[in-house]
Each structure stands twice: as C-alpha cells, then as structure tokens.
Amino acid sequence: MTKPGTVRDNLESMHGTWHDVIELFDLDGTPLSEDKASGSPGKSPFENLVYFDFDGSELALTNVHIKGRPPAARTFKARLVEGVLIFDSLGPGAFENIGMSGGPGVLTFNARVIDAASRVYQEPDFIYQPTPDSRIRHTVLYRDAIAVRTLTAHGTRLAETCTRRHPLDPRGKDGPVHETPTEATIWAHLA
C-alpha cells in the first residue's frame, strides 16, 4: 500500500486523461492574450488534453493542444528514485527537474538546484488536486532569472486511464498516446 501524501501516492491519484483550461496572466494578475516567452508560445486562453500515465515507477506525461492554439503535443518522462520523481533531461545543459510532494494532493515539479541553467529558463509547476477528478496547476515563468508571467490550468479528469487517444485528440484516434520526449536547446550553451 502506498503511503498517503507521498510523491507516488499523488502520481497514482492523478493517473488518467485530463482536460485543462489554461489562462496566462501578467504578474499583477492582468489576463494575457498571448505568451511570447514560454517554451511553447501562443494565444491565451487555450485548452489541452493531458495524458498523465503513471505505472507505479515511471511517468509519461503528454500535453496536447486541442483549442486556442495549433494542434501540438509535448511529452515528458520521469521515474521514481528513492521516492522523488526524476525527469529525463529537458535538453543539453538543462537543470535536473524533479517532482516532490507537498502532502496529500500536492505536487511540485521544479529544479533540484538553482544553477546557471535554471536561471536561463525555469517554470516550476505547482499542482493541487482538491478532488479526485479535479486539479489546478499553477506555474511561474522565469526567463534570465526574472519572473515574466504566471499560468493557471483548471483540469477535469475525463478518464481514469490513458491507454488510448481521447476522441478530442486532434492527432486522431490511432497511434500512441505519448510522443518522443520533448527536448529544448535553450541551455545548450551550458552543456
């Protein structure tokens, strides 16, 4: 049995297919209609399908734009190591991104160490699951060690599994849910 509030417990409770409605904000709370600074720039608000696939030791997470932005998919992979989630490299020279628990229903994905790479670009995710079928994800985007904007996603679970593409997936019903993991080049000068 998984201990309540651990990283593993939180990942298990978030397993499934989610629909996220995402809005971007200036630091003062003013809604933004466009995001030019993120790793995937575009309009706001927008909507994603999120395939949150956790098998007890490995995580595959894929975000697919379904409304408000051109269709695109981004996949991230990670594994549990001594109770902490360790993400695969985000790209050459990138910081080590980890998942840690803030207690039952609370996860944070962020840099393990604040270093030169995390000063280039960092977007910590704070995920809160108030009910089994709802979650809120909030991020702060930092570019060159300066806070640029925030993002808030309100998610609703569509299915407790993510073995097949959801009918809303613009990639069509056939094919794998997850893509090749995303890698960025913005840290390459540090590699």
Protein backbone atom coordinates (compact mmCIF):
# COMPACT_ATOMS: atom_id res chain seq x y z
CA MET A 1 0.00 0.00 0.00
CA THR A 2 1.26 3.47 -0.92
CA LYS A 3 1.72 5.92 1.95
CA PRO A 4 -0.75 8.86 1.65
CA GLY A 5 0.75 12.16 0.55
CA THR A 6 3.94 10.72 -0.95
CA VAL A 7 5.03 11.55 -4.48
CA ARG A 8 3.99 8.06 -5.56
CA ASP A 9 0.55 8.37 -3.94
CA ASN A 10 -0.06 11.74 -5.61
CA LEU A 11 1.08 10.45 -9.01
CA GLU A 12 -1.21 7.41 -8.68
CA SER A 13 -4.17 9.63 -7.81
CA MET A 14 -3.56 11.85 -10.86
CA HIS A 15 -3.24 8.96 -13.35
CA GLY A 16 -5.61 9.31 -16.30
CA THR A 17 -6.73 11.64 -19.07
CA TRP A 18 -7.44 15.26 -18.16
CA HIS A 19 -8.93 18.31 -19.86
CA ASP A 20 -7.14 21.52 -18.87
CA VAL A 21 -8.42 25.05 -19.48
CA ILE A 22 -5.35 27.29 -19.31
CA GLU A 23 -5.05 31.02 -18.79
CA LEU A 24 -1.98 33.23 -18.69
CA PHE A 25 -1.52 36.29 -16.51
CA ASP A 26 0.84 39.20 -16.09
CA LEU A 27 2.47 39.33 -12.67
CA ASP A 28 -0.21 41.77 -11.44
CA GLY A 29 -3.00 39.35 -12.43
CA THR A 30 -3.99 41.02 -15.71
CA PRO A 31 -5.01 38.32 -18.23
CA LEU A 32 -2.62 37.93 -21.16
CA SER A 33 -3.92 37.22 -24.66
CA GLU A 34 -0.56 35.95 -25.88
CA ASP A 35 2.53 34.33 -24.42
CA LYS A 36 5.78 35.09 -26.23
CA ALA A 37 8.22 33.97 -23.52
CA SER A 38 7.39 30.31 -22.84
CA GLY A 39 8.82 27.15 -24.36
CA SER A 40 5.60 26.80 -26.38
CA PRO A 41 4.44 30.36 -27.15
CA GLY A 42 0.91 31.11 -28.29
CA LYS A 43 -2.52 32.51 -27.53
CA SER A 44 -4.33 32.55 -24.20
CA PRO A 45 -6.64 31.11 -23.07
CA PHE A 46 -6.21 27.66 -24.59
CA GLU A 47 -7.11 24.06 -23.82
CA ASN A 48 -5.09 20.85 -23.53
CA LEU A 49 -5.70 17.16 -23.23
CA VAL A 50 -3.26 15.83 -20.65
CA TYR A 51 -2.33 12.15 -20.62
CA PHE A 52 -0.93 11.55 -17.12
CA ASP A 53 0.39 7.99 -17.25
CA PHE A 54 1.98 6.58 -14.10
CA ASP A 55 2.67 2.84 -13.67
CA GLY A 56 3.99 2.93 -10.10
CA SER A 57 7.57 3.76 -11.03
CA GLU A 58 7.59 5.64 -14.35
CA LEU A 59 5.67 8.71 -15.51
CA ALA A 60 4.87 9.68 -19.09
CA LEU A 61 3.03 12.99 -19.36
CA THR A 62 1.78 14.36 -22.68
CA ASN A 63 0.07 17.71 -23.23
CA VAL A 64 -1.88 18.09 -26.49
CA HIS A 65 -3.28 21.47 -27.61
CA ILE A 66 -6.94 20.99 -28.52
CA LYS A 67 -8.33 24.54 -28.61
CA GLY A 68 -6.96 28.08 -28.84
CA ARG A 69 -3.58 27.06 -30.31
CA PRO A 70 -2.46 24.99 -33.29
CA PRO A 71 -2.50 21.24 -32.50
CA ALA A 72 0.77 20.13 -30.96
CA ALA A 73 1.92 17.52 -28.45
CA ARG A 74 4.72 17.69 -25.86
CA THR A 75 5.82 14.64 -23.88
CA PHE A 76 7.88 14.44 -20.69
CA LYS A 77 9.12 11.28 -18.97
CA ALA A 78 10.33 10.63 -15.44
CA ARG A 79 10.93 7.83 -12.92
CA LEU A 80 10.73 7.48 -9.16
CA VAL A 81 14.12 7.30 -7.45
CA GLU A 82 14.12 6.97 -3.65
CA GLY A 83 10.63 8.44 -3.52
CA VAL A 84 11.39 11.53 -5.64
CA LEU A 85 10.37 11.89 -9.29
CA ILE A 86 13.39 12.48 -11.55
CA PHE A 87 12.57 13.80 -15.03
CA ASP A 88 14.53 12.76 -18.09
CA SER A 89 16.80 15.55 -19.31
CA LEU A 90 14.89 18.53 -20.69
CA GLY A 91 17.75 19.09 -23.16
CA PRO A 92 21.51 19.57 -23.34
CA GLY A 93 22.77 21.65 -20.40
CA ALA A 94 19.36 21.69 -18.66
CA PHE A 95 18.87 21.65 -14.90
CA GLU A 96 17.69 18.46 -13.15
CA ASN A 97 13.90 18.70 -12.90
CA ILE A 98 12.31 16.76 -10.03
CA GLY A 99 8.83 16.07 -8.66
CA MET A 100 8.30 16.42 -4.92
CA SER A 101 5.30 16.24 -2.60
CA GLY A 102 3.67 18.95 -0.52
CA GLY A 103 1.42 16.40 1.19
CA PRO A 104 -1.80 14.71 0.01
CA GLY A 105 -2.93 16.06 -3.36
CA VAL A 106 0.00 18.47 -3.79
CA LEU A 107 2.92 18.07 -6.19
CA THR A 108 5.69 20.43 -7.25
CA PHE A 109 7.82 19.95 -10.37
CA ASN A 110 10.90 22.17 -10.20
CA ALA A 111 14.69 22.34 -10.39
CA ARG A 112 16.53 20.37 -7.73
CA VAL A 113 19.25 23.04 -7.62
CA ILE A 114 19.11 26.69 -8.62
CA ASP A 115 22.02 26.93 -11.01
CA ALA A 116 23.04 28.62 -14.28
CA ALA A 117 20.56 26.50 -16.27
CA SER A 118 17.60 27.25 -14.02
CA ARG A 119 18.44 30.95 -14.29
CA VAL A 120 18.11 30.76 -18.11
CA TYR A 121 14.58 29.32 -18.05
CA GLN A 122 12.54 27.79 -15.27
CA GLU A 123 8.83 27.17 -14.92
CA PRO A 124 8.02 25.41 -11.65
CA ASP A 125 4.68 23.58 -11.65
CA PHE A 126 2.56 23.59 -8.50
CA ILE A 127 -0.24 21.02 -8.85
CA TYR A 128 -3.12 20.76 -6.40
CA GLN A 129 -5.81 18.06 -6.59
CA PRO A 130 -8.74 19.23 -4.42
CA THR A 131 -11.00 16.33 -5.50
CA PRO A 132 -10.30 13.02 -7.25
CA ASP A 133 -11.49 14.40 -10.60
CA SER A 134 -10.26 18.00 -10.46
CA ARG A 135 -6.87 19.63 -10.28
CA ILE A 136 -5.30 23.06 -10.51
CA ARG A 137 -1.84 23.59 -11.95
CA HIS A 138 -0.12 26.92 -11.41
CA THR A 139 3.26 27.97 -12.80
CA VAL A 140 5.54 30.98 -12.71
CA LEU A 141 7.71 31.50 -15.78
CA TYR A 142 11.25 32.78 -15.16
CA ARG A 143 13.46 33.98 -18.04
CA ASP A 144 17.03 35.06 -17.26
CA ALA A 145 16.19 34.72 -13.52
CA ILE A 146 13.30 37.20 -13.76
CA ALA A 147 9.62 36.34 -13.23
CA VAL A 148 7.79 37.02 -16.51
CA ARG A 149 4.23 35.70 -16.15
CA THR A 150 2.02 33.12 -14.44
CA LEU A 151 -0.19 30.37 -15.81
CA THR A 152 -3.17 28.65 -14.22
CA ALA A 153 -4.76 25.47 -15.57
CA HIS A 154 -8.06 24.13 -14.25
CA GLY A 155 -8.24 20.41 -15.00
CA THR A 156 -11.10 17.92 -15.06
CA ARG A 157 -10.45 14.19 -15.31
CA LEU A 158 -12.06 12.70 -18.43
CA ALA A 159 -10.94 9.11 -17.85
CA GLU A 160 -9.01 7.14 -15.24
CA THR A 161 -6.88 5.59 -17.97
CA CYS A 162 -4.76 6.93 -20.80
CA THR A 163 -4.02 3.85 -22.86
CA ARG A 164 -5.81 5.21 -25.95
CA ARG A 165 -6.15 8.61 -27.51
CA HIS A 166 -9.22 10.50 -26.36
CA PRO A 167 -11.84 11.42 -29.03
CA LEU A 168 -10.91 15.13 -28.56
CA ASP A 169 -7.28 14.44 -29.55
CA PRO A 170 -6.57 16.31 -32.81
CA ARG A 171 -3.90 13.72 -33.72
CA GLY A 172 -6.72 11.24 -34.44
CA LYS A 173 -7.77 8.06 -32.71
CA ASP A 174 -4.91 5.87 -33.96
CA GLY A 175 -1.33 5.97 -32.74
CA PRO A 176 0.44 6.13 -29.41
CA VAL A 177 -0.75 8.50 -26.69
CA HIS A 178 2.80 9.68 -25.93
CA GLU A 179 5.28 11.23 -28.35
CA THR A 180 9.07 11.22 -28.28
CA PRO A 181 10.04 13.23 -25.17
CA THR A 182 10.44 16.95 -25.69
CA GLU A 183 13.96 18.37 -25.59
CA ALA A 184 14.80 22.07 -25.60
CA THR A 185 18.02 23.68 -26.84
CA ILE A 186 17.88 26.88 -24.76
CA TRP A 187 20.51 25.53 -22.32
CA ALA A 188 22.86 24.09 -24.98
CA HIS A 189 25.42 26.85 -24.41
CA LEU A 190 25.87 25.45 -20.87
CA ALA A 191 26.43 21.84 -21.97
